Amino acid sequence: MNPQKKFHFVFSLIMGALMISLMTFVITIVNVGFTLDFLSRWGKAFVIAYFVGVPVIFFMAPLARKLTGKLLGMPT
């Protein structure tokens, strides 16, 4: 795997973990509050969202970069 593809893959894993952990934490609090089973509910939501979200980040990040560059008139 070339360094640029390796970087993009690892970036997707890390960005997914950061973004998805925060979002599932907030949404779990909104939906159920701090209940006794909060951590198990949050963990379940995180695992499901991580397996969906990381491929989305991996495949959509290049598109988002291109669209951002076009919107701002910058080379991509």
PDB file of N, CA and C in Angstrom:
ATOM      1  N   MET A   1       0.867  -1.177   0.000  1.00  0.00           N
ATOM      2  CA  MET A   1       0.000   0.000   0.000  1.00  0.00           C
ATOM      3  C   MET A   1       0.909   1.234   0.000  1.00  0.00           C
ATOM      4  N   ASN A   2       0.644   2.154  -0.923  1.00  0.00           N
ATOM      5  CA  ASN A   2       1.495   3.338  -0.976  1.00  0.00           C
ATOM      6  C   ASN A   2       1.208   4.252   0.218  1.00  0.00           C
ATOM      7  N   PRO A   3       2.165   5.128   0.562  1.00  0.00           N
ATOM      8  CA  PRO A   3       2.026   5.954   1.775  1.00  0.00           C
ATOM      9  C   PRO A   3       0.774   6.837   1.786  1.00  0.00           C
ATOM     10  N   GLN A   4       0.386   7.376   0.640  1.00  0.00           N
ATOM     11  CA  GLN A   4      -0.799   8.238   0.604  1.00  0.00           C
ATOM     12  C   GLN A   4      -2.074   7.443   0.893  1.00  0.00           C
ATOM     13  N   LYS A   5      -2.200   6.259   0.309  1.00  0.00           N
ATOM     14  CA  LYS A   5      -3.375   5.416   0.578  1.00  0.00           C
ATOM     15  C   LYS A   5      -3.370   4.922   2.024  1.00  0.00           C
ATOM     16  N   LYS A   6      -2.182   4.598   2.528  1.00  0.00           N
ATOM     17  CA  LYS A   6      -2.063   4.163   3.917  1.00  0.00           C
ATOM     18  C   LYS A   6      -2.487   5.294   4.857  1.00  0.00           C
ATOM     19  N   PHE A   7      -2.034   6.519   4.562  1.00  0.00           N
ATOM     20  CA  PHE A   7      -2.418   7.679   5.357  1.00  0.00           C
ATOM     21  C   PHE A   7      -3.936   7.858   5.349  1.00  0.00           C
ATOM     22  N   HIS A   8      -4.553   7.777   4.176  1.00  0.00           N
ATOM     23  CA  HIS A   8      -5.999   7.974   4.053  1.00  0.00           C
ATOM     24  C   HIS A   8      -6.756   6.901   4.835  1.00  0.00           C
ATOM     25  N   PHE A   9      -6.279   5.667   4.782  1.00  0.00           N
ATOM     26  CA  PHE A   9      -6.917   4.572   5.515  1.00  0.00           C
ATOM     27  C   PHE A   9      -6.833   4.791   7.025  1.00  0.00           C
ATOM     28  N   VAL A  10      -5.634   5.109   7.519  1.00  0.00           N
ATOM     29  CA  VAL A  10      -5.448   5.327   8.960  1.00  0.00           C
ATOM     30  C   VAL A  10      -6.207   6.576   9.402  1.00  0.00           C
ATOM     31  N   PHE A  11      -6.200   7.631   8.579  1.00  0.00           N
ATOM     32  CA  PHE A  11      -6.974   8.829   8.878  1.00  0.00           C
ATOM     33  C   PHE A  11      -8.452   8.486   9.042  1.00  0.00           C
ATOM     34  N   SER A  12      -8.986   7.666   8.149  1.00  0.00           N
ATOM     35  CA  SER A  12     -10.403   7.283   8.219  1.00  0.00           C
ATOM     36  C   SER A  12     -10.707   6.535   9.510  1.00  0.00           C
ATOM     37  N   LEU A  13      -9.807   5.638   9.927  1.00  0.00           N
ATOM     38  CA  LEU A  13     -10.012   4.898  11.176  1.00  0.00           C
ATOM     39  C   LEU A  13     -10.012   5.837  12.384  1.00  0.00           C
ATOM     40  N   ILE A  14      -9.050   6.767  12.427  1.00  0.00           N
ATOM     41  CA  ILE A  14      -8.940   7.688  13.565  1.00  0.00           C
ATOM     42  C   ILE A  14     -10.076   8.704  13.555  1.00  0.00           C
ATOM     43  N   MET A  15     -10.352   9.300  12.403  1.00  0.00           N
ATOM     44  CA  MET A  15     -11.436  10.277  12.310  1.00  0.00           C
ATOM     45  C   MET A  15     -12.763   9.621  12.661  1.00  0.00           C
ATOM     46  N   GLY A  16     -12.955   8.399  12.205  1.00  0.00           N
ATOM     47  CA  GLY A  16     -14.172   7.666  12.534  1.00  0.00           C
ATOM     48  C   GLY A  16     -14.318   7.457  14.027  1.00  0.00           C
ATOM     49  N   ALA A  17     -13.242   7.045  14.682  1.00  0.00           N
ATOM     50  CA  ALA A  17     -13.298   6.818  16.126  1.00  0.00           C
ATOM     51  C   ALA A  17     -13.625   8.106  16.877  1.00  0.00           C
ATOM     52  N   LEU A  18     -12.981   9.196  16.492  1.00  0.00           N
ATOM     53  CA  LEU A  18     -13.208  10.468  17.194  1.00  0.00           C
ATOM     54  C   LEU A  18     -14.622  10.998  16.969  1.00  0.00           C
ATOM     55  N   MET A  19     -15.015  11.102  15.720  1.00  0.00           N
ATOM     56  CA  MET A  19     -16.314  11.678  15.388  1.00  0.00           C
ATOM     57  C   MET A  19     -17.464  10.790  15.879  1.00  0.00           C
ATOM     58  N   ILE A  20     -17.348   9.500  15.642  1.00  0.00           N
ATOM     59  CA  ILE A  20     -18.432   8.589  15.991  1.00  0.00           C
ATOM     60  C   ILE A  20     -18.571   8.435  17.496  1.00  0.00           C
ATOM     61  N   SER A  21     -17.461   8.435  18.233  1.00  0.00           N
ATOM     62  CA  SER A  21     -17.588   8.332  19.688  1.00  0.00           C
ATOM     63  C   SER A  21     -18.303   9.551  20.252  1.00  0.00           C
ATOM     64  N   LEU A  22     -17.971  10.733  19.765  1.00  0.00           N
ATOM     65  CA  LEU A  22     -18.638  11.945  20.245  1.00  0.00           C
ATOM     66  C   LEU A  22     -20.113  11.963  19.862  1.00  0.00           C
ATOM     67  N   MET A  23     -20.402  11.669  18.610  1.00  0.00           N
ATOM     68  CA  MET A  23     -21.792  11.722  18.151  1.00  0.00           C
ATOM     69  C   MET A  23     -22.674  10.669  18.828  1.00  0.00           C
ATOM     70  N   THR A  24     -22.169   9.444  18.957  1.00  0.00           N
ATOM     71  CA  THR A  24     -22.991   8.421  19.608  1.00  0.00           C
ATOM     72  C   THR A  24     -23.164   8.715  21.095  1.00  0.00           C
ATOM     73  N   PHE A  25     -22.154   9.322  21.711  1.00  0.00           N
ATOM     74  CA  PHE A  25     -22.266   9.720  23.119  1.00  0.00           C
ATOM     75  C   PHE A  25     -23.404  10.734  23.284  1.00  0.00           C
ATOM     76  N   VAL A  26     -23.392  11.765  22.463  1.00  0.00           N
ATOM     77  CA  VAL A  26     -24.413  12.826  22.556  1.00  0.00           C
ATOM     78  C   VAL A  26     -25.797  12.269  22.249  1.00  0.00           C
ATOM     79  N   ILE A  27     -25.918  11.517  21.178  1.00  0.00           N
ATOM     80  CA  ILE A  27     -27.235  10.999  20.791  1.00  0.00           C
ATOM     81  C   ILE A  27     -27.759   9.999  21.823  1.00  0.00           C
ATOM     82  N   THR A  28     -26.883   9.200  22.417  1.00  0.00           N
ATOM     83  CA  THR A  28     -27.327   8.267  23.457  1.00  0.00           C
ATOM     84  C   THR A  28     -27.814   9.022  24.682  1.00  0.00           C
ATOM     85  N   ILE A  29     -27.129  10.095  25.061  1.00  0.00           N
ATOM     86  CA  ILE A  29     -27.596  10.917  26.184  1.00  0.00           C
ATOM     87  C   ILE A  29     -28.952  11.525  25.871  1.00  0.00           C
ATOM     88  N   VAL A  30     -29.104  12.061  24.669  1.00  0.00           N
ATOM     89  CA  VAL A  30     -30.377  12.681  24.280  1.00  0.00           C
ATOM     90  C   VAL A  30     -31.508  11.653  24.305  1.00  0.00           C
ATOM     91  N   ASN A  31     -31.241  10.468  23.803  1.00  0.00           N
ATOM     92  CA  ASN A  31     -32.299   9.464  23.691  1.00  0.00           C
ATOM     93  C   ASN A  31     -32.631   8.753  24.994  1.00  0.00           C
ATOM     94  N   VAL A  32     -31.629   8.438  25.827  1.00  0.00           N
ATOM     95  CA  VAL A  32     -31.914   7.642  27.025  1.00  0.00           C
ATOM     96  C   VAL A  32     -31.440   8.276  28.318  1.00  0.00           C
ATOM     97  N   GLY A  33     -30.594   9.325  28.233  1.00  0.00           N
ATOM     98  CA  GLY A  33     -30.057   9.950  29.440  1.00  0.00           C
ATOM     99  C   GLY A  33     -28.987   9.067  30.071  1.00  0.00           C
ATOM    100  N   PHE A  34     -28.517   9.500  31.238  1.00  0.00           N
ATOM    101  CA  PHE A  34     -27.495   8.724  31.961  1.00  0.00           C
ATOM    102  C   PHE A  34     -28.179   7.644  32.792  1.00  0.00           C
ATOM    103  N   THR A  35     -28.496   6.540  32.154  1.00  0.00           N
ATOM    104  CA  THR A  35     -29.132   5.423  32.837  1.00  0.00           C
ATOM    105  C   THR A  35     -28.070   4.438  33.303  1.00  0.00           C
ATOM    106  N   LEU A  36     -28.497   3.420  34.051  1.00  0.00           N
ATOM    107  CA  LEU A  36     -27.555   2.412  34.533  1.00  0.00           C
ATOM    108  C   LEU A  36     -26.899   1.638  33.389  1.00  0.00           C
ATOM    109  N   ASP A  37     -27.626   1.492  32.293  1.00  0.00           N
ATOM    110  CA  ASP A  37     -27.066   0.756  31.153  1.00  0.00           C
ATOM    111  C   ASP A  37     -26.552   1.690  30.059  1.00  0.00           C
ATOM    112  N   PHE A  38     -26.239   2.929  30.427  1.00  0.00           N
ATOM    113  CA  PHE A  38     -25.763   3.916  29.451  1.00  0.00           C
ATOM    114  C   PHE A  38     -24.540   3.423  28.685  1.00  0.00           C
ATOM    115  N   LEU A  39     -23.540   2.917  29.399  1.00  0.00           N
ATOM    116  CA  LEU A  39     -22.301   2.504  28.728  1.00  0.00           C
ATOM    117  C   LEU A  39     -22.529   1.366  27.737  1.00  0.00           C
ATOM    118  N   SER A  40     -23.386   0.425  28.075  1.00  0.00           N
ATOM    119  CA  SER A  40     -23.636  -0.671  27.137  1.00  0.00           C
ATOM    120  C   SER A  40     -24.416  -0.170  25.918  1.00  0.00           C
ATOM    121  N   ARG A  41     -25.355   0.739  26.139  1.00  0.00           N
ATOM    122  CA  ARG A  41     -26.099   1.318  25.009  1.00  0.00           C
ATOM    123  C   ARG A  41     -25.184   2.143  24.114  1.00  0.00           C
ATOM    124  N   TRP A  42     -24.330   2.943  24.751  1.00  0.00           N
ATOM    125  CA  TRP A  42     -23.397   3.764  23.990  1.00  0.00           C
ATOM    126  C   TRP A  42     -22.414   2.879  23.223  1.00  0.00           C
ATOM    127  N   GLY A  43     -21.910   1.851  23.876  1.00  0.00           N
ATOM    128  CA  GLY A  43     -20.986   0.935  23.219  1.00  0.00           C
ATOM    129  C   GLY A  43     -21.602   0.260  22.007  1.00  0.00           C
ATOM    130  N   LYS A  44     -22.832  -0.187  22.144  1.00  0.00           N
ATOM    131  CA  LYS A  44     -23.528  -0.825  21.025  1.00  0.00           C
ATOM    132  C   LYS A  44     -23.716   0.159  19.878  1.00  0.00           C
ATOM    133  N   ALA A  45     -24.148   1.372  20.208  1.00  0.00           N
ATOM    134  CA  ALA A  45     -24.331   2.400  19.180  1.00  0.00           C
ATOM    135  C   ALA A  45     -23.007   2.722  18.492  1.00  0.00           C
ATOM    136  N   PHE A  46     -21.920   2.807  19.280  1.00  0.00           N
ATOM    137  CA  PHE A  46     -20.606   3.108  18.707  1.00  0.00           C
ATOM    138  C   PHE A  46     -20.164   2.037  17.727  1.00  0.00           C
ATOM    139  N   VAL A  47     -20.280   0.772  18.123  1.00  0.00           N
ATOM    140  CA  VAL A  47     -19.818  -0.321  17.255  1.00  0.00           C
ATOM    141  C   VAL A  47     -20.585  -0.322  15.935  1.00  0.00           C
ATOM    142  N   ILE A  48     -21.892  -0.184  16.003  1.00  0.00           N
ATOM    143  CA  ILE A  48     -22.698  -0.167  14.778  1.00  0.00           C
ATOM    144  C   ILE A  48     -22.315   1.032  13.910  1.00  0.00           C
ATOM    145  N   ALA A  49     -22.244   2.205  14.518  1.00  0.00           N
ATOM    146  CA  ALA A  49     -21.925   3.416  13.765  1.00  0.00           C
ATOM    147  C   ALA A  49     -20.508   3.388  13.207  1.00  0.00           C
ATOM    148  N   TYR A  50     -19.566   2.787  13.932  1.00  0.00           N
ATOM    149  CA  TYR A  50     -18.182   2.727  13.472  1.00  0.00           C
ATOM    150  C   TYR A  50     -18.067   1.888  12.201  1.00  0.00           C
ATOM    151  N   PHE A  51     -18.736   0.756  12.179  1.00  0.00           N
ATOM    152  CA  PHE A  51     -18.668  -0.104  11.001  1.00  0.00           C
ATOM    153  C   PHE A  51     -19.394   0.488   9.799  1.00  0.00           C
ATOM    154  N   VAL A  52     -20.321   1.392  10.028  1.00  0.00           N
ATOM    155  CA  VAL A  52     -20.970   2.101   8.932  1.00  0.00           C
ATOM    156  C   VAL A  52     -20.175   3.366   8.579  1.00  0.00           C
ATOM    157  N   GLY A  53     -19.736   4.093   9.603  1.00  0.00           N
ATOM    158  CA  GLY A  53     -19.136   5.405   9.399  1.00  0.00           C
ATOM    159  C   GLY A  53     -17.749   5.404   8.797  1.00  0.00           C
ATOM    160  N   VAL A  54     -16.900   4.461   9.173  1.00  0.00           N
ATOM    161  CA  VAL A  54     -15.524   4.469   8.651  1.00  0.00           C
ATOM    162  C   VAL A  54     -15.497   4.269   7.130  1.00  0.00           C
ATOM    163  N   PRO A  55     -16.228   3.323   6.574  1.00  0.00           N
ATOM    164  CA  PRO A  55     -16.236   3.241   5.104  1.00  0.00           C
ATOM    165  C   PRO A  55     -16.803   4.505   4.446  1.00  0.00           C
ATOM    166  N   VAL A  56     -17.807   5.112   5.080  1.00  0.00           N
ATOM    167  CA  VAL A  56     -18.349   6.361   4.533  1.00  0.00           C
ATOM    168  C   VAL A  56     -17.268   7.432   4.512  1.00  0.00           C
ATOM    169  N   ILE A  57     -16.541   7.576   5.619  1.00  0.00           N
ATOM    170  CA  ILE A  57     -15.451   8.557   5.676  1.00  0.00           C
ATOM    171  C   ILE A  57     -14.396   8.228   4.622  1.00  0.00           C
ATOM    172  N   PHE A  58     -14.017   6.961   4.528  1.00  0.00           N
ATOM    173  CA  PHE A  58     -12.974   6.545   3.590  1.00  0.00           C
ATOM    174  C   PHE A  58     -13.338   6.905   2.152  1.00  0.00           C
ATOM    175  N   PHE A  59     -14.573   6.644   1.756  1.00  0.00           N
ATOM    176  CA  PHE A  59     -14.965   6.870   0.369  1.00  0.00           C
ATOM    177  C   PHE A  59     -15.453   8.293   0.092  1.00  0.00           C
ATOM    178  N   MET A  60     -15.972   8.979   1.098  1.00  0.00           N
ATOM    179  CA  MET A  60     -16.520  10.317   0.874  1.00  0.00           C
ATOM    180  C   MET A  60     -15.529  11.455   1.127  1.00  0.00           C
ATOM    181  N   ALA A  61     -14.473  11.213   1.886  1.00  0.00           N
ATOM    182  CA  ALA A  61     -13.507  12.282   2.182  1.00  0.00           C
ATOM    183  C   ALA A  61     -12.896  12.873   0.918  1.00  0.00           C
ATOM    184  N   PRO A  62     -12.482  12.060  -0.059  1.00  0.00           N
ATOM    185  CA  PRO A  62     -11.940  12.668  -1.284  1.00  0.00           C
ATOM    186  C   PRO A  62     -12.961  13.549  -2.005  1.00  0.00           C
ATOM    187  N   LEU A  63     -14.200  13.118  -2.027  1.00  0.00           N
ATOM    188  CA  LEU A  63     -15.252  13.925  -2.649  1.00  0.00           C
ATOM    189  C   LEU A  63     -15.452  15.228  -1.884  1.00  0.00           C
ATOM    190  N   ALA A  64     -15.463  15.146  -0.568  1.00  0.00           N
ATOM    191  CA  ALA A  64     -15.624  16.352   0.257  1.00  0.00           C
ATOM    192  C   ALA A  64     -14.471  17.324   0.028  1.00  0.00           C
ATOM    193  N   ARG A  65     -13.246  16.804  -0.109  1.00  0.00           N
ATOM    194  CA  ARG A  65     -12.085  17.663  -0.384  1.00  0.00           C
ATOM    195  C   ARG A  65     -12.240  18.367  -1.729  1.00  0.00           C
ATOM    196  N   LYS A  66     -12.674  17.630  -2.755  1.00  0.00           N
ATOM    197  CA  LYS A  66     -12.856  18.221  -4.084  1.00  0.00           C
ATOM    198  C   LYS A  66     -13.942  19.294  -4.070  1.00  0.00           C
ATOM    199  N   LEU A  67     -15.066  18.990  -3.452  1.00  0.00           N
ATOM    200  CA  LEU A  67     -16.157  19.965  -3.385  1.00  0.00           C
ATOM    201  C   LEU A  67     -15.740  21.208  -2.607  1.00  0.00           C
ATOM    202  N   THR A  68     -15.015  21.024  -1.519  1.00  0.00           N
ATOM    203  CA  THR A  68     -14.535  22.159  -0.732  1.00  0.00           C
ATOM    204  C   THR A  68     -13.585  23.017  -1.559  1.00  0.00           C
ATOM    205  N   GLY A  69     -12.684  22.374  -2.271  1.00  0.00           N
ATOM    206  CA  GLY A  69     -11.762  23.108  -3.135  1.00  0.00           C
ATOM    207  C   GLY A  69     -12.486  23.904  -4.200  1.00  0.00           C
ATOM    208  N   LYS A  70     -13.499  23.316  -4.812  1.00  0.00           N
ATOM    209  CA  LYS A  70     -14.273  24.024  -5.833  1.00  0.00           C
ATOM    210  C   LYS A  70     -15.036  25.201  -5.231  1.00  0.00           C
ATOM    211  N   LEU A  71     -15.672  24.982  -4.084  1.00  0.00           N
ATOM    212  CA  LEU A  71     -16.412  26.060  -3.431  1.00  0.00           C
ATOM    213  C   LEU A  71     -15.532  27.246  -3.065  1.00  0.00           C
ATOM    214  N   LEU A  72     -14.294  26.963  -2.674  1.00  0.00           N
ATOM    215  CA  LEU A  72     -13.379  28.014  -2.245  1.00  0.00           C
ATOM    216  C   LEU A  72     -12.454  28.480  -3.369  1.00  0.00           C
ATOM    217  N   GLY A  73     -12.625  27.906  -4.566  1.00  0.00           N
ATOM    218  CA  GLY A  73     -11.794  28.298  -5.685  1.00  0.00           C
ATOM    219  C   GLY A  73     -10.335  27.940  -5.524  1.00  0.00           C
ATOM    220  N   MET A  74     -10.070  26.813  -4.875  1.00  0.00           N
ATOM    221  CA  MET A  74      -8.702  26.372  -4.634  1.00  0.00           C
ATOM    222  C   MET A  74      -8.418  25.118  -5.457  1.00  0.00           C
ATOM    223  N   PRO A  75      -7.166  24.913  -5.811  1.00  0.00           N
ATOM    224  CA  PRO A  75      -6.836  23.673  -6.526  1.00  0.00           C
ATOM    225  C   PRO A  75      -6.996  22.468  -5.601  1.00  0.00           C
ATOM    226  N   THR A  76      -7.440  21.354  -6.156  1.00  0.00           N
ATOM    227  CA  THR A  76      -7.624  20.159  -5.336  1.00  0.00           C
ATOM    228  C   THR A  76      -6.461  19.222  -5.446  1.00  0.00           C
TER     229      THR A  76
END
